[in-house]
Every structure is written in structure tokens, then in C-alpha cells.
Amino acid sequence: MEFTPEMIINVVAVIASLLASYFPALSTWYAGLKSEIKSGIMIGSMAIVTVTVFLLTNYGLITSANPITWQQAVYAFLQALIFNAGTYVFSPQTSKVKQIKAYRNLDAG
């Protein structure tokens, strides 16, 4: 089975989302952030992942049957955002994360 650059980017997007949801120290810190900050962090991290995989593929460190073009990289970035956000929205929250979000919402109101 050959892993395409797009597949690698999407798998990393899902893993990043699951880490933000379930890794103990990261999930509690992340839950306390405002939604805009969370979005910015994930958009930035997906951009870094996309550029990294794009460069690694073009320099031959990740083998691919076809070189990835910048258009494919942009498409993969948009896919990564969808995979990342979708995983975060649909993954169940731990009770600790629910408490932190509730407190954050009360404090903001």
C-alpha cells in the first residue's frame, strides 16, 4: 500500500485533533482557550503539516508516484481542515474538558 501525501496530511490532521481532545495535559489546556484561538492553532498546525509534507515529497524524503503540486497541496490543506474539525466536533469530550468549557463559558458571560 502506498501512502499518498494527501493521505499522510489527513491522518496527521485526525491525530492532531484526537490529541487535542484526549491527551491529558493538552486537552485541558486546549479546552480553556477561546474558540477563535483554537481555530487559529489548528489552522496554523495544518498549514505547517501541509507545507512540511509538500517539501518532504518534493525533495524525495517521502516517496510518491507523482510529485505533489502546489494546487494539490492547497486541496490537501483544505481536506486536512475538514478532517481535523470534523474529528474534533464528533469525538466525545471527557468530563474534565466539559467542566473547563462550562467554566470558561460562565466566566466569559
Protein backbone atom coordinates (compact mmCIF):
# COMPACT_ATOMS: atom_id res chain seq x y z
CA MET A 1 0.00 0.00 0.00
CA GLU A 2 1.36 3.36 -0.99
CA PHE A 3 0.61 6.35 1.18
CA THR A 4 -0.12 9.47 -0.79
CA PRO A 5 0.96 12.86 0.57
CA GLU A 6 -2.71 13.80 0.90
CA MET A 7 -3.39 10.70 2.99
CA ILE A 8 -0.44 11.47 5.27
CA ILE A 9 -1.68 15.04 5.78
CA ASN A 10 -5.21 13.84 6.58
CA VAL A 11 -4.02 11.19 9.04
CA VAL A 12 -1.92 13.79 10.86
CA ALA A 13 -4.97 16.09 10.95
CA VAL A 14 -7.06 13.41 12.65
CA ILE A 15 -4.26 12.55 15.10
CA ALA A 16 -3.80 16.23 16.00
CA SER A 17 -7.50 16.55 16.70
CA LEU A 18 -7.55 13.42 18.86
CA LEU A 19 -4.53 14.66 20.81
CA ALA A 20 -6.31 17.96 21.45
CA SER A 21 -9.35 16.03 22.66
CA TYR A 22 -7.81 13.28 24.76
CA PHE A 23 -4.13 13.84 25.66
CA PRO A 24 -4.46 14.82 29.36
CA ALA A 25 -2.35 17.97 29.68
CA LEU A 26 -3.04 19.18 26.16
CA SER A 27 -6.81 18.59 26.24
CA THR A 28 -7.36 20.57 29.44
CA TRP A 29 -5.19 23.45 28.24
CA TYR A 30 -6.85 23.44 24.81
CA ALA A 31 -10.37 23.31 26.29
CA GLY A 32 -9.71 26.52 28.22
CA LEU A 33 -8.93 28.52 25.09
CA LYS A 34 -11.44 30.66 23.21
CA SER A 35 -12.83 29.15 20.01
CA GLU A 36 -11.03 31.70 17.85
CA ILE A 37 -7.68 30.79 19.40
CA LYS A 38 -8.36 27.06 18.96
CA SER A 39 -9.24 27.60 15.30
CA GLY A 40 -6.08 29.61 14.74
CA ILE A 41 -3.93 26.95 16.36
CA MET A 42 -5.39 24.17 14.25
CA ILE A 43 -5.30 26.17 11.00
CA GLY A 44 -1.67 27.06 11.68
CA SER A 45 -0.72 23.50 12.55
CA MET A 46 -2.45 22.12 9.44
CA ALA A 47 -0.62 24.70 7.31
CA ILE A 48 2.70 23.62 8.84
CA VAL A 49 1.90 19.93 8.27
CA THR A 50 0.87 20.58 4.66
CA VAL A 51 3.99 22.61 3.83
CA THR A 52 6.22 20.05 5.56
CA VAL A 53 4.75 17.09 3.65
CA PHE A 54 4.84 19.11 0.41
CA LEU A 55 8.55 19.87 0.88
CA LEU A 56 9.44 16.34 2.03
CA THR A 57 7.69 14.90 -1.03
CA ASN A 58 9.30 17.32 -3.46
CA TYR A 59 12.78 16.67 -2.01
CA GLY A 60 12.27 12.90 -2.22
CA LEU A 61 12.17 12.13 1.51
CA ILE A 62 8.59 10.91 1.15
CA THR A 63 8.26 8.76 -1.94
CA SER A 64 5.23 9.31 -4.11
CA ALA A 65 4.33 8.06 -7.58
CA ASN A 66 3.54 11.61 -8.66
CA PRO A 67 5.07 14.79 -7.28
CA ILE A 68 2.64 16.92 -5.34
CA THR A 69 1.83 20.25 -6.95
CA TRP A 70 1.00 23.40 -5.06
CA GLN A 71 -2.62 23.04 -6.20
CA GLN A 72 -2.77 19.55 -4.68
CA ALA A 73 -1.15 20.91 -1.53
CA VAL A 74 -3.86 23.58 -1.21
CA TYR A 75 -6.54 20.93 -1.76
CA ALA A 76 -4.87 18.67 0.84
CA PHE A 77 -4.75 21.62 3.29
CA LEU A 78 -8.48 22.20 2.89
CA GLN A 79 -9.13 18.48 3.34
CA ALA A 80 -6.97 18.49 6.48
CA LEU A 81 -9.03 21.33 7.95
CA ILE A 82 -12.22 19.37 7.30
CA PHE A 83 -10.82 16.14 8.76
CA ASN A 84 -9.39 17.98 11.77
CA ALA A 85 -12.53 19.96 12.59
CA GLY A 86 -14.83 17.03 11.90
CA THR A 87 -12.88 14.76 14.22
CA TYR A 88 -12.88 17.37 16.99
CA VAL A 89 -16.62 18.01 16.68
CA PHE A 90 -17.62 14.34 16.62
CA SER A 91 -15.20 12.99 19.24
CA PRO A 92 -16.82 12.74 22.68
CA GLN A 93 -15.50 15.14 25.31
CA THR A 94 -14.06 13.94 28.58
CA SER A 95 -15.77 15.12 31.77
CA LYS A 96 -12.76 17.30 32.66
CA VAL A 97 -12.93 19.06 29.28
CA LYS A 98 -16.69 19.61 29.72
CA GLN A 99 -16.06 21.21 33.13
CA ILE A 100 -13.36 23.52 31.79
CA LYS A 101 -15.53 24.61 28.86
CA ALA A 102 -18.50 25.25 31.15
CA TYR A 103 -16.35 27.34 33.46
CA ARG A 104 -14.85 29.22 30.51
CA ASN A 105 -18.34 30.00 29.17
CA LEU A 106 -19.58 31.20 32.59
CA ASP A 107 -16.50 33.37 33.01
CA ALA A 108 -16.96 34.91 29.56
CA GLY A 109 -20.64 35.69 30.16
